[in-house]
């Protein structure tokens, strides 16, 4: 036969429950009913079961809920009831006024913040306009791309217009030089029968820049 494991009897005696208390006569009579017996068993149930809540009276209310009233207030009668109602109405008025004032202050702060933001945007726009008016290079955006009037086909009477005019004249001069160079290479105007240059090739003098372009 297998030997059983030894049991520590001192530990068992240390954790043993105390003596069971006898039930009273009223408790014994109360357990005679089936419902009371089942409730007693559910009340002492242990483990992972649902915890039983012992509700003595289903019409009892918890303290602090709207339907709860203390025994002292239950005995109020006569003018004192009206005084209590008047105090409750006044308290509701104070709460309502405080709520209204808090909402008004919140909306006022939000409206002031909105107008401050609008004022800041307008001030920033005014400062931007002043800064653009004070900047001399900002006005160049209103100047045409070239100092030349396409309607009258004239150059502007400015140093930039004179420089552009001289630049265009140099382009025409280089084109004539290129024309003469190509003509000489291809023997343009030479008559091989006569052996003479029947058509002369000439190059105009280079244009001089106007005094306004050198300013």
N, C-alpha and C. Protein backbone atom coordinates (compact mmCIF):
# COMPACT_ATOMS: atom_id res chain seq x y z
N UNK A 1 0.84 -1.19 0.00
CA UNK A 1 0.00 0.00 0.00
C UNK A 1 0.88 1.25 0.00
N UNK A 2 0.40 2.28 -0.72
CA UNK A 2 1.18 3.54 -0.77
C UNK A 2 0.98 4.30 0.51
N UNK A 3 2.05 4.92 0.98
CA UNK A 3 2.00 5.69 2.21
C UNK A 3 1.45 7.08 1.93
N UNK A 4 0.55 7.50 2.79
CA UNK A 4 -0.03 8.85 2.62
C UNK A 4 0.95 9.90 3.10
N UNK A 5 0.83 11.08 2.56
CA UNK A 5 1.72 12.18 2.94
C UNK A 5 1.37 12.61 4.35
N UNK A 6 2.39 12.95 5.14
CA UNK A 6 2.11 13.39 6.51
C UNK A 6 1.43 14.75 6.50
N UNK A 7 0.53 14.92 7.44
CA UNK A 7 -0.25 16.17 7.54
C UNK A 7 0.22 16.92 8.77
N UNK A 8 0.43 18.24 8.59
CA UNK A 8 0.85 19.08 9.70
C UNK A 8 -0.36 19.39 10.56
N UNK A 9 -0.51 18.69 11.68
CA UNK A 9 -1.70 18.85 12.52
C UNK A 9 -1.67 20.19 13.26
N UNK A 10 -0.47 20.71 13.53
CA UNK A 10 -0.40 22.00 14.22
C UNK A 10 -0.95 23.12 13.35
N UNK A 11 -0.62 23.05 12.03
CA UNK A 11 -1.14 24.07 11.11
C UNK A 11 -2.64 23.97 10.99
N UNK A 12 -3.17 22.71 10.99
CA UNK A 12 -4.62 22.56 10.88
C UNK A 12 -5.30 23.13 12.12
N UNK A 13 -4.70 22.90 13.27
CA UNK A 13 -5.31 23.43 14.48
C UNK A 13 -5.23 24.96 14.51
N UNK A 14 -4.17 25.50 13.89
CA UNK A 14 -4.03 26.97 13.91
C UNK A 14 -5.06 27.65 13.04
N UNK A 15 -5.43 27.01 11.86
CA UNK A 15 -6.37 27.63 10.92
C UNK A 15 -7.79 27.13 11.11
N UNK A 16 -8.06 26.33 12.09
CA UNK A 16 -9.41 25.79 12.29
C UNK A 16 -10.33 26.90 12.74
N UNK A 17 -11.58 26.92 12.23
CA UNK A 17 -12.52 27.98 12.64
C UNK A 17 -12.93 27.83 14.08
N UNK A 18 -13.50 28.92 14.59
CA UNK A 18 -13.94 28.91 15.98
C UNK A 18 -15.21 28.10 16.16
N UNK A 19 -15.68 28.01 17.33
CA UNK A 19 -16.90 27.23 17.58
C UNK A 19 -18.11 27.87 16.93
N UNK A 20 -19.01 27.05 16.39
CA UNK A 20 -20.21 27.51 15.71
C UNK A 20 -21.20 28.06 16.73
N UNK A 21 -21.72 29.23 16.47
CA UNK A 21 -22.68 29.85 17.36
C UNK A 21 -24.08 29.27 17.09
N UNK A 22 -24.83 28.98 18.10
CA UNK A 22 -26.17 28.44 17.88
C UNK A 22 -27.10 29.51 17.33
N UNK A 23 -28.05 29.12 16.52
CA UNK A 23 -29.02 30.03 15.94
C UNK A 23 -30.10 30.34 16.96
N UNK A 24 -30.62 31.52 16.84
CA UNK A 24 -31.70 31.92 17.75
C UNK A 24 -33.02 31.29 17.30
N UNK A 25 -34.02 31.43 18.17
CA UNK A 25 -35.31 30.85 17.86
C UNK A 25 -35.96 31.54 16.66
N UNK A 26 -35.85 32.88 16.61
CA UNK A 26 -36.44 33.60 15.48
C UNK A 26 -35.77 33.23 14.16
N UNK A 27 -34.45 33.01 14.21
CA UNK A 27 -33.72 32.62 13.00
C UNK A 27 -34.15 31.23 12.55
N UNK A 28 -34.36 30.32 13.51
CA UNK A 28 -34.77 28.98 13.15
C UNK A 28 -36.18 28.99 12.55
N UNK A 29 -37.08 29.80 13.13
CA UNK A 29 -38.43 29.89 12.58
C UNK A 29 -38.42 30.56 11.19
N UNK A 30 -37.49 31.53 10.97
CA UNK A 30 -37.42 32.19 9.69
C UNK A 30 -36.95 31.29 8.58
N UNK A 31 -36.11 30.27 8.92
CA UNK A 31 -35.58 29.36 7.91
C UNK A 31 -36.53 28.24 7.56
N UNK A 32 -37.69 28.21 8.20
CA UNK A 32 -38.63 27.15 7.89
C UNK A 32 -39.26 27.36 6.51
N UNK A 33 -39.36 28.65 6.06
CA UNK A 33 -39.91 28.94 4.74
C UNK A 33 -38.87 28.62 3.66
N UNK A 34 -39.36 28.24 2.49
CA UNK A 34 -38.46 27.84 1.41
C UNK A 34 -37.69 29.04 0.85
N UNK A 35 -38.36 30.19 0.70
CA UNK A 35 -37.68 31.38 0.17
C UNK A 35 -36.58 31.85 1.10
N UNK A 36 -36.83 31.88 2.38
CA UNK A 36 -35.81 32.31 3.32
C UNK A 36 -34.63 31.37 3.32
N UNK A 37 -34.90 30.06 3.18
CA UNK A 37 -33.80 29.11 3.16
C UNK A 37 -32.93 29.27 1.91
N UNK A 38 -33.57 29.49 0.76
CA UNK A 38 -32.79 29.69 -0.47
C UNK A 38 -31.98 30.98 -0.42
N UNK A 39 -32.59 32.04 0.13
CA UNK A 39 -31.85 33.30 0.26
C UNK A 39 -30.66 33.15 1.21
N UNK A 40 -30.84 32.39 2.25
CA UNK A 40 -29.73 32.17 3.19
C UNK A 40 -28.60 31.41 2.52
N UNK A 41 -28.94 30.42 1.70
CA UNK A 41 -27.89 29.67 1.00
C UNK A 41 -27.19 30.54 -0.05
N UNK A 42 -27.95 31.36 -0.77
CA UNK A 42 -27.33 32.26 -1.75
C UNK A 42 -26.45 33.31 -1.08
N UNK A 43 -26.86 33.76 0.09
CA UNK A 43 -26.10 34.77 0.80
C UNK A 43 -24.74 34.25 1.22
N UNK A 44 -24.63 33.00 1.54
CA UNK A 44 -23.37 32.41 1.98
C UNK A 44 -22.68 31.64 0.87
N UNK A 45 -23.06 31.89 -0.35
CA UNK A 45 -22.42 31.21 -1.48
C UNK A 45 -21.02 31.76 -1.67
N UNK A 46 -20.06 30.94 -2.04
CA UNK A 46 -18.66 31.36 -2.24
C UNK A 46 -18.18 30.83 -3.57
N UNK A 47 -17.03 31.33 -4.02
CA UNK A 47 -16.47 30.91 -5.30
C UNK A 47 -16.69 31.96 -6.37
N UNK A 48 -16.76 31.53 -7.62
CA UNK A 48 -16.91 32.45 -8.74
C UNK A 48 -18.35 32.68 -9.12
N UNK A 49 -19.28 32.61 -8.17
CA UNK A 49 -20.69 32.77 -8.46
C UNK A 49 -21.08 34.24 -8.33
N UNK A 50 -22.30 34.51 -8.74
CA UNK A 50 -22.84 35.85 -8.62
C UNK A 50 -23.05 36.20 -7.16
N UNK A 51 -22.63 37.41 -6.81
CA UNK A 51 -22.75 37.81 -5.42
C UNK A 51 -24.19 38.19 -5.09
N UNK A 52 -24.66 37.63 -4.06
CA UNK A 52 -26.04 37.89 -3.64
C UNK A 52 -26.08 39.17 -2.84
N UNK A 53 -27.03 40.06 -3.17
CA UNK A 53 -27.21 41.31 -2.46
C UNK A 53 -28.48 41.20 -1.62
N UNK A 54 -28.28 41.31 -0.36
CA UNK A 54 -29.40 41.17 0.57
C UNK A 54 -30.18 42.48 0.64
N UNK A 55 -31.34 42.50 0.05
CA UNK A 55 -32.21 43.68 0.05
C UNK A 55 -33.36 43.39 1.00
N UNK A 56 -33.33 44.06 2.12
CA UNK A 56 -34.36 43.81 3.12
C UNK A 56 -35.73 44.24 2.64
N UNK A 57 -35.79 45.45 2.06
CA UNK A 57 -37.07 45.98 1.59
C UNK A 57 -36.90 46.55 0.19
N UNK A 58 -37.68 46.11 -0.77
CA UNK A 58 -37.53 46.61 -2.15
C UNK A 58 -37.94 48.07 -2.34
N UNK A 59 -38.65 48.63 -1.34
CA UNK A 59 -39.09 50.03 -1.48
C UNK A 59 -38.15 51.01 -0.79
N UNK A 60 -37.08 50.50 -0.18
CA UNK A 60 -36.11 51.39 0.45
C UNK A 60 -35.30 52.12 -0.62
N UNK A 61 -34.87 53.33 -0.33
CA UNK A 61 -34.07 54.14 -1.26
C UNK A 61 -32.73 54.44 -0.61
N UNK A 62 -31.74 54.64 -1.47
CA UNK A 62 -30.39 54.92 -0.98
C UNK A 62 -30.30 56.38 -0.56
N UNK A 63 -29.55 56.67 0.48
CA UNK A 63 -29.38 58.08 0.89
C UNK A 63 -28.66 58.88 -0.19
N UNK A 64 -29.20 60.07 -0.46
CA UNK A 64 -28.61 60.94 -1.47
C UNK A 64 -29.35 60.95 -2.79
N UNK A 65 -30.21 59.95 -3.05
CA UNK A 65 -30.96 59.93 -4.29
C UNK A 65 -32.14 60.91 -4.20
N UNK A 66 -32.73 61.32 -5.33
CA UNK A 66 -33.82 62.32 -5.28
C UNK A 66 -35.04 61.88 -4.47
N UNK A 67 -35.29 60.58 -4.43
CA UNK A 67 -36.49 60.11 -3.72
C UNK A 67 -36.24 59.83 -2.24
N UNK A 68 -35.04 60.08 -1.77
CA UNK A 68 -34.75 59.80 -0.37
C UNK A 68 -35.14 61.01 0.50
N UNK A 69 -35.68 60.72 1.66
CA UNK A 69 -36.03 61.75 2.62
C UNK A 69 -35.74 61.21 4.01
N UNK A 70 -35.13 62.03 4.81
CA UNK A 70 -34.77 61.59 6.15
C UNK A 70 -35.99 61.59 7.06
N UNK A 71 -35.83 60.95 8.19
CA UNK A 71 -36.94 60.88 9.14
C UNK A 71 -37.32 62.25 9.69
N UNK A 72 -36.31 63.13 9.83
CA UNK A 72 -36.59 64.47 10.36
C UNK A 72 -37.37 65.29 9.35
N UNK A 73 -36.97 65.21 8.08
CA UNK A 73 -37.69 65.96 7.07
C UNK A 73 -39.06 65.38 6.81
N UNK A 74 -39.23 64.11 7.07
CA UNK A 74 -40.53 63.49 6.87
C UNK A 74 -41.59 64.07 7.82
N UNK A 75 -41.13 64.57 8.95
CA UNK A 75 -42.05 65.09 9.95
C UNK A 75 -42.35 66.57 9.77
N UNK A 76 -41.81 67.19 8.71
CA UNK A 76 -42.10 68.60 8.47
C UNK A 76 -43.57 68.78 8.09
N UNK A 77 -44.14 69.84 8.59
CA UNK A 77 -45.55 70.11 8.29
C UNK A 77 -45.81 71.60 8.47
N UNK A 78 -46.88 72.09 7.85
CA UNK A 78 -47.29 73.46 8.00
C UNK A 78 -46.41 74.43 7.23
N UNK A 79 -46.19 75.63 7.76
CA UNK A 79 -45.41 76.65 7.04
C UNK A 79 -43.96 76.25 6.78
N UNK A 80 -43.44 75.33 7.58
CA UNK A 80 -42.04 74.95 7.37
C UNK A 80 -41.84 74.29 6.01
N UNK A 81 -42.85 73.57 5.55
CA UNK A 81 -42.74 72.95 4.22
C UNK A 81 -42.59 74.02 3.14
N UNK A 82 -43.37 75.10 3.28
CA UNK A 82 -43.26 76.17 2.30
C UNK A 82 -41.91 76.87 2.39
N UNK A 83 -41.38 76.99 3.59
CA UNK A 83 -40.04 77.57 3.73
C UNK A 83 -38.98 76.70 3.04
N UNK A 84 -39.10 75.39 3.18
CA UNK A 84 -38.17 74.49 2.50
C UNK A 84 -38.30 74.61 0.99
N UNK A 85 -39.53 74.66 0.50
CA UNK A 85 -39.75 74.81 -0.94
C UNK A 85 -39.21 76.15 -1.44
N UNK A 86 -39.42 77.22 -0.64
CA UNK A 86 -38.90 78.53 -1.03
C UNK A 86 -37.37 78.53 -1.09
N UNK A 87 -36.72 77.87 -0.12
CA UNK A 87 -35.26 77.79 -0.13
C UNK A 87 -34.76 77.01 -1.35
N UNK A 88 -35.48 75.94 -1.70
CA UNK A 88 -35.09 75.16 -2.88
C UNK A 88 -35.26 75.98 -4.16
N UNK A 89 -36.35 76.75 -4.24
CA UNK A 89 -36.54 77.59 -5.43
C UNK A 89 -35.48 78.67 -5.53
N UNK A 90 -35.15 79.27 -4.43
CA UNK A 90 -34.10 80.30 -4.45
C UNK A 90 -32.74 79.71 -4.82
N UNK A 91 -32.49 78.52 -4.31
CA UNK A 91 -31.22 77.87 -4.66
C UNK A 91 -31.17 77.56 -6.16
N UNK A 92 -32.28 77.12 -6.73
CA UNK A 92 -32.31 76.86 -8.17
C UNK A 92 -32.12 78.15 -8.96
N UNK A 93 -32.68 79.26 -8.45
CA UNK A 93 -32.47 80.55 -9.13
C UNK A 93 -31.00 80.96 -9.12
N UNK A 94 -30.35 80.75 -7.96
CA UNK A 94 -28.93 81.11 -7.87
C UNK A 94 -28.09 80.26 -8.83
N UNK A 95 -28.40 78.96 -8.88
CA UNK A 95 -27.68 78.07 -9.79
C UNK A 95 -27.92 78.48 -11.24
N UNK A 96 -29.17 78.83 -11.56
CA UNK A 96 -29.48 79.24 -12.93
C UNK A 96 -28.77 80.54 -13.28
N UNK A 97 -28.74 81.50 -12.37
CA UNK A 97 -28.04 82.77 -12.63
C UNK A 97 -26.54 82.55 -12.79
N UNK A 98 -25.96 81.69 -11.95
CA UNK A 98 -24.53 81.42 -12.08
C UNK A 98 -24.22 80.73 -13.41
N UNK A 99 -25.09 79.81 -13.82
CA UNK A 99 -24.89 79.15 -15.11
C UNK A 99 -24.99 80.14 -16.26
N UNK A 100 -25.98 81.05 -16.16
CA UNK A 100 -26.14 82.05 -17.22
C UNK A 100 -24.94 83.00 -17.27
N UNK A 101 -24.46 83.43 -16.11
CA UNK A 101 -23.31 84.32 -16.09
C UNK A 101 -22.05 83.63 -16.61
N UNK A 102 -21.89 82.37 -16.27
CA UNK A 102 -20.73 81.64 -16.77
C UNK A 102 -20.79 81.48 -18.29
N UNK A 103 -21.99 81.20 -18.81
CA UNK A 103 -22.15 81.09 -20.26
C UNK A 103 -21.92 82.44 -20.93
N UNK A 104 -22.44 83.52 -20.32
CA UNK A 104 -22.26 84.85 -20.89
C UNK A 104 -20.78 85.25 -20.90
N UNK A 105 -20.07 84.96 -19.80
CA UNK A 105 -18.64 85.29 -19.75
C UNK A 105 -17.86 84.49 -20.78
N UNK A 106 -18.25 83.22 -20.97
CA UNK A 106 -17.55 82.41 -21.96
C UNK A 106 -17.78 82.93 -23.37
N UNK A 107 -19.03 83.30 -23.67
CA UNK A 107 -19.33 83.85 -25.00
C UNK A 107 -18.67 85.21 -25.21
N UNK A 108 -18.63 86.03 -24.14
CA UNK A 108 -17.99 87.34 -24.25
C UNK A 108 -16.49 87.20 -24.51
N UNK A 109 -15.86 86.28 -23.81
CA UNK A 109 -14.43 86.05 -24.04
C UNK A 109 -14.18 85.55 -25.45
N UNK A 110 -15.04 84.66 -25.94
CA UNK A 110 -14.87 84.16 -27.30
C UNK A 110 -15.08 85.27 -28.33
N UNK A 111 -16.06 86.15 -28.08
CA UNK A 111 -16.30 87.25 -29.02
C UNK A 111 -15.16 88.25 -29.00
N UNK A 112 -14.62 88.54 -27.82
CA UNK A 112 -13.48 89.45 -27.75
C UNK A 112 -12.26 88.85 -28.44
N UNK A 113 -12.05 87.55 -28.28
CA UNK A 113 -10.93 86.90 -28.97
C UNK A 113 -11.10 86.98 -30.48
N UNK A 114 -12.34 86.83 -30.95
CA UNK A 114 -12.59 86.91 -32.39
C UNK A 114 -12.32 88.32 -32.92
N UNK A 115 -12.77 89.34 -32.18
CA UNK A 115 -12.53 90.70 -32.64
C UNK A 115 -11.06 91.08 -32.53
N UNK A 116 -10.37 90.55 -31.53
CA UNK A 116 -8.92 90.81 -31.45
C UNK A 116 -8.20 90.19 -32.64
N UNK A 117 -8.64 88.99 -33.05
CA UNK A 117 -8.03 88.36 -34.22
C UNK A 117 -8.30 89.18 -35.48
N UNK A 118 -9.54 89.68 -35.63
CA UNK A 118 -9.86 90.51 -36.79
C UNK A 118 -9.04 91.80 -36.79
N UNK A 119 -8.90 92.42 -35.61
CA UNK A 119 -8.10 93.64 -35.52
C UNK A 119 -6.63 93.37 -35.84
N UNK A 120 -6.13 92.22 -35.39
CA UNK A 120 -4.74 91.88 -35.70
C UNK A 120 -4.54 91.67 -37.20
N UNK A 121 -5.51 91.04 -37.86
CA UNK A 121 -5.41 90.85 -39.31
C UNK A 121 -5.43 92.18 -40.05
N UNK A 122 -6.32 93.09 -39.64
CA UNK A 122 -6.37 94.40 -40.29
C UNK A 122 -5.10 95.19 -40.04
N UNK A 123 -4.57 95.13 -38.83
CA UNK A 123 -3.32 95.84 -38.54
C UNK A 123 -2.16 95.27 -39.35
N UNK A 124 -2.12 93.93 -39.47
CA UNK A 124 -1.06 93.32 -40.27
C UNK A 124 -1.19 93.71 -41.74
N UNK A 125 -2.43 93.81 -42.25
CA UNK A 125 -2.64 94.23 -43.63
C UNK A 125 -2.19 95.68 -43.84
N UNK A 126 -2.52 96.56 -42.89
CA UNK A 126 -2.09 97.96 -43.01
C UNK A 126 -0.57 98.08 -42.95
N UNK A 127 0.06 97.34 -42.06
CA UNK A 127 1.51 97.38 -41.99
C UNK A 127 2.15 96.85 -43.26
N UNK A 128 1.54 95.85 -43.86
CA UNK A 128 2.07 95.31 -45.11
C UNK A 128 1.98 96.34 -46.23
N UNK A 129 0.85 97.06 -46.29
CA UNK A 129 0.71 98.09 -47.32
C UNK A 129 1.72 99.21 -47.11
N UNK A 130 1.91 99.62 -45.85
CA UNK A 130 2.90 100.67 -45.57
C UNK A 130 4.32 100.20 -45.91
N UNK A 131 4.61 98.95 -45.60
CA UNK A 131 5.95 98.43 -45.91
C UNK A 131 6.18 98.35 -47.41
N UNK A 132 5.14 97.99 -48.16
CA UNK A 132 5.28 97.94 -49.62
C UNK A 132 5.40 99.33 -50.22
N UNK A 133 4.70 100.32 -49.61
CA UNK A 133 4.82 101.68 -50.12
C UNK A 133 6.18 102.28 -49.80
N UNK A 134 6.77 101.89 -48.67
CA UNK A 134 8.08 102.43 -48.31
C UNK A 134 9.22 101.75 -49.05
N UNK A 135 8.99 100.56 -49.59
CA UNK A 135 10.06 99.84 -50.28
C UNK A 135 10.16 100.37 -51.71
N UNK A 136 11.31 100.93 -52.13
CA UNK A 136 11.41 101.46 -53.50
C UNK A 136 11.44 100.38 -54.55
N UNK A 137 11.85 99.17 -54.21
CA UNK A 137 11.91 98.10 -55.19
C UNK A 137 10.56 97.43 -55.39
N UNK A 138 9.61 97.71 -54.51
CA UNK A 138 8.30 97.07 -54.65
C UNK A 138 7.53 97.63 -55.82
N UNK A 139 7.77 98.92 -56.19
CA UNK A 139 7.05 99.54 -57.30
C UNK A 139 7.48 99.05 -58.66
N UNK A 140 8.55 98.27 -58.74
CA UNK A 140 8.99 97.77 -60.04
C UNK A 140 7.99 96.76 -60.60
N UNK A 141 7.09 96.28 -59.77
CA UNK A 141 6.10 95.34 -60.29
C UNK A 141 5.13 96.03 -61.25
N UNK A 142 4.97 97.36 -61.13
CA UNK A 142 4.07 98.09 -62.02
C UNK A 142 4.77 98.56 -63.30
N UNK A 143 6.06 98.28 -63.43
CA UNK A 143 6.81 98.67 -64.62
C UNK A 143 6.72 97.54 -65.64
N UNK A 144 6.66 97.90 -66.91
CA UNK A 144 6.59 96.89 -67.97
C UNK A 144 7.88 96.10 -68.03
N UNK A 145 7.81 94.97 -68.70
CA UNK A 145 8.98 94.09 -68.77
C UNK A 145 10.16 94.73 -69.49
N UNK A 146 9.92 95.55 -70.49
CA UNK A 146 10.97 96.21 -71.24
C UNK A 146 10.65 97.70 -71.36
N UNK A 147 11.69 98.56 -71.35
CA UNK A 147 11.43 100.01 -71.49
C UNK A 147 11.10 100.40 -72.93
N UNK A 148 9.99 99.83 -73.39
CA UNK A 148 9.58 100.06 -74.79
C UNK A 148 8.07 100.12 -74.84
N UNK A 149 7.54 101.11 -75.58
CA UNK A 149 6.10 101.29 -75.72
C UNK A 149 5.67 100.61 -77.01
N UNK A 150 4.86 99.53 -76.84
CA UNK A 150 4.44 98.77 -78.02
C UNK A 150 3.38 99.52 -78.83
N UNK A 151 2.73 100.54 -78.23
CA UNK A 151 1.70 101.28 -78.96
C UNK A 151 2.34 102.32 -79.88
N UNK A 152 3.20 103.15 -79.30
CA UNK A 152 3.86 104.17 -80.11
C UNK A 152 5.15 103.68 -80.75
N UNK A 153 5.62 102.46 -80.38
CA UNK A 153 6.85 101.88 -80.92
C UNK A 153 8.04 102.81 -80.72
N UNK A 154 8.11 103.34 -79.52
CA UNK A 154 9.23 104.21 -79.16
C UNK A 154 9.85 103.70 -77.87
N UNK A 155 11.15 103.98 -77.75
CA UNK A 155 11.85 103.60 -76.53
C UNK A 155 11.61 104.65 -75.45
N UNK A 156 11.62 104.19 -74.23
CA UNK A 156 11.44 105.12 -73.11
C UNK A 156 12.66 106.04 -73.01
N UNK A 157 12.41 107.28 -72.61
CA UNK A 157 13.50 108.24 -72.47
C UNK A 157 14.15 108.09 -71.09
N UNK A 158 14.70 106.93 -70.90
CA UNK A 158 15.38 106.58 -69.65
C UNK A 158 16.69 105.88 -70.00
N UNK A 159 17.60 105.77 -69.06
CA UNK A 159 18.83 105.01 -69.34
C UNK A 159 18.55 103.59 -69.78
N UNK A 160 17.53 102.94 -69.17
CA UNK A 160 17.21 101.58 -69.59
C UNK A 160 16.69 101.57 -71.02
N UNK A 161 15.86 102.59 -71.40
CA UNK A 161 15.38 102.65 -72.78
C UNK A 161 16.52 102.89 -73.76
N UNK A 162 17.47 103.77 -73.40
CA UNK A 162 18.61 104.02 -74.29
C UNK A 162 19.48 102.77 -74.43
N UNK A 163 19.68 102.05 -73.35
CA UNK A 163 20.46 100.81 -73.44
C UNK A 163 19.77 99.78 -74.31
N UNK A 164 18.44 99.67 -74.18
CA UNK A 164 17.71 98.73 -75.03
C UNK A 164 17.79 99.13 -76.50
N UNK A 165 17.72 100.44 -76.78
CA UNK A 165 17.83 100.90 -78.17
C UNK A 165 19.21 100.57 -78.75
N UNK A 166 20.26 100.81 -78.00
CA UNK A 166 21.61 100.49 -78.48
C UNK A 166 21.76 98.96 -78.65
N UNK A 167 21.15 98.18 -77.76
CA UNK A 167 21.24 96.72 -77.88
C UNK A 167 20.57 96.24 -79.17
N UNK A 168 19.42 96.83 -79.50
CA UNK A 168 18.73 96.44 -80.73
C UNK A 168 19.52 96.89 -81.96
N UNK A 169 20.13 98.07 -81.89
CA UNK A 169 20.95 98.52 -83.03
C UNK A 169 22.15 97.62 -83.24
N UNK A 170 22.75 97.13 -82.17
CA UNK A 170 23.88 96.21 -82.30
C UNK A 170 23.43 94.87 -82.91
N UNK A 171 22.22 94.45 -82.60
CA UNK A 171 21.71 93.22 -83.21
C UNK A 171 21.56 93.40 -84.72
N UNK A 172 21.02 94.57 -85.14
CA UNK A 172 20.89 94.83 -86.58
C UNK A 172 22.27 94.95 -87.25
N UNK A 173 23.21 95.58 -86.57
CA UNK A 173 24.56 95.71 -87.13
C UNK A 173 25.22 94.34 -87.29
N UNK A 174 25.10 93.46 -86.30
CA UNK A 174 25.72 92.13 -86.39
C UNK A 174 25.06 91.30 -87.50
N UNK A 175 23.76 91.54 -87.71
CA UNK A 175 23.10 90.81 -88.81
C UNK A 175 23.65 91.26 -90.17
N UNK A 176 23.92 92.56 -90.33
CA UNK A 176 24.49 93.03 -91.60
C UNK A 176 25.92 92.53 -91.78
N UNK A 177 26.67 92.48 -90.68
CA UNK A 177 28.03 91.95 -90.77
C UNK A 177 27.98 90.48 -91.16
N UNK A 178 27.07 89.73 -90.60
CA UNK A 178 26.94 88.31 -90.94
C UNK A 178 26.52 88.15 -92.41
N UNK A 179 25.64 89.07 -92.87
CA UNK A 179 25.21 89.01 -94.28
C UNK A 179 26.40 89.26 -95.22
N UNK A 180 27.22 90.25 -94.90
CA UNK A 180 28.38 90.54 -95.74
C UNK A 180 29.39 89.41 -95.71
N UNK A 181 29.56 88.79 -94.55
CA UNK A 181 30.52 87.69 -94.44
C UNK A 181 30.08 86.50 -95.29
N UNK A 182 28.80 86.18 -95.23
CA UNK A 182 28.30 85.06 -96.02
C UNK A 182 28.38 85.39 -97.52
N UNK A 183 28.10 86.67 -97.88
CA UNK A 183 28.18 87.06 -99.30
C UNK A 183 29.60 86.96 -99.82
N UNK A 184 30.59 87.37 -99.05
CA UNK A 184 31.99 87.29 -99.50
C UNK A 184 32.45 85.84 -99.61
N UNK A 185 31.99 85.00 -98.73
CA UNK A 185 32.40 83.59 -98.81
C UNK A 185 31.78 82.89 -100.02
N UNK A 186 30.60 83.34 -100.41
CA UNK A 186 29.93 82.72 -101.56
C UNK A 186 30.16 83.51 -102.85
N UNK A 187 31.07 84.50 -102.79
CA UNK A 187 31.41 85.30 -103.98
C UNK A 187 30.17 85.99 -104.56
N UNK A 188 29.42 86.61 -103.68
CA UNK A 188 28.22 87.29 -104.12
C UNK A 188 28.62 88.57 -104.88
N UNK A 189 28.02 88.81 -106.08
CA UNK A 189 28.27 90.00 -106.89
C UNK A 189 29.49 89.90 -107.79
N UNK A 190 30.16 88.77 -107.87
CA UNK A 190 31.34 88.62 -108.73
C UNK A 190 30.92 87.99 -110.06
N UNK A 191 31.29 88.64 -111.14
CA UNK A 191 30.96 88.14 -112.47
C UNK A 191 32.16 87.38 -113.00
N UNK A 192 32.07 86.05 -113.14
CA UNK A 192 33.23 85.27 -113.60
C UNK A 192 33.56 85.51 -115.08
N UNK A 193 32.56 86.00 -115.86
CA UNK A 193 32.84 86.24 -117.27
C UNK A 193 33.70 87.49 -117.43
N UNK A 194 33.28 88.53 -116.72
CA UNK A 194 34.05 89.77 -116.79
C UNK A 194 35.23 89.75 -115.84
N UNK A 195 35.14 88.93 -114.84
CA UNK A 195 36.22 88.89 -113.85
C UNK A 195 36.23 90.11 -112.97
N UNK A 196 35.05 90.71 -112.78
CA UNK A 196 34.96 91.92 -111.96
C UNK A 196 33.84 91.74 -110.91
N UNK A 197 33.93 92.60 -109.88
CA UNK A 197 32.91 92.62 -108.83
C UNK A 197 31.82 93.58 -109.29
N UNK A 198 30.74 93.04 -109.81
CA UNK A 198 29.66 93.87 -110.34
C UNK A 198 28.72 94.38 -109.24
N UNK A 199 28.66 93.70 -108.11
CA UNK A 199 27.78 94.12 -107.03
C UNK A 199 28.63 94.28 -105.78
N UNK A 200 28.66 95.51 -105.29
CA UNK A 200 29.51 95.79 -104.15
C UNK A 200 28.89 95.33 -102.82
N UNK A 201 29.74 94.87 -101.93
CA UNK A 201 29.33 94.43 -100.58
C UNK A 201 29.95 95.39 -99.59
N UNK A 202 29.12 96.05 -98.80
CA UNK A 202 29.62 97.05 -97.85
C UNK A 202 29.10 96.74 -96.45
N UNK A 203 29.78 97.23 -95.43
CA UNK A 203 29.40 97.05 -94.02
C UNK A 203 29.18 98.43 -93.43
N UNK A 204 28.02 98.68 -92.81
CA UNK A 204 27.77 100.00 -92.22
C UNK A 204 28.65 100.19 -90.99
N UNK A 205 28.87 101.43 -90.60
CA UNK A 205 29.66 101.67 -89.39
C UNK A 205 28.92 101.18 -88.14
N UNK A 206 29.63 100.76 -87.14
CA UNK A 206 28.96 100.28 -85.91
C UNK A 206 28.26 101.44 -85.21
N UNK A 207 27.10 101.17 -84.64
CA UNK A 207 26.36 102.25 -83.95
C UNK A 207 27.04 102.65 -82.65
N UNK A 208 26.92 103.91 -82.33
CA UNK A 208 27.46 104.44 -81.08
C UNK A 208 26.37 104.48 -80.01
N UNK A 209 26.68 104.15 -78.80
CA UNK A 209 25.65 104.23 -77.75
C UNK A 209 25.30 105.67 -77.47
N UNK A 210 24.02 105.97 -77.23
CA UNK A 210 23.63 107.34 -76.94
C UNK A 210 24.16 107.77 -75.57
N UNK A 211 24.30 109.06 -75.35
CA UNK A 211 24.83 109.53 -74.05
C UNK A 211 23.95 109.12 -72.87
N UNK A 212 22.65 108.99 -73.11
CA UNK A 212 21.76 108.61 -72.00
C UNK A 212 22.00 107.17 -71.54
N UNK A 213 22.49 106.31 -72.46
CA UNK A 213 22.77 104.92 -72.09
C UNK A 213 24.00 104.80 -71.21
N UNK A 214 24.89 105.81 -71.27
CA UNK A 214 26.10 105.77 -70.47
C UNK A 214 25.91 106.43 -69.10
N UNK A 215 24.71 106.91 -68.83
CA UNK A 215 24.47 107.62 -67.56
C UNK A 215 24.40 106.62 -66.41
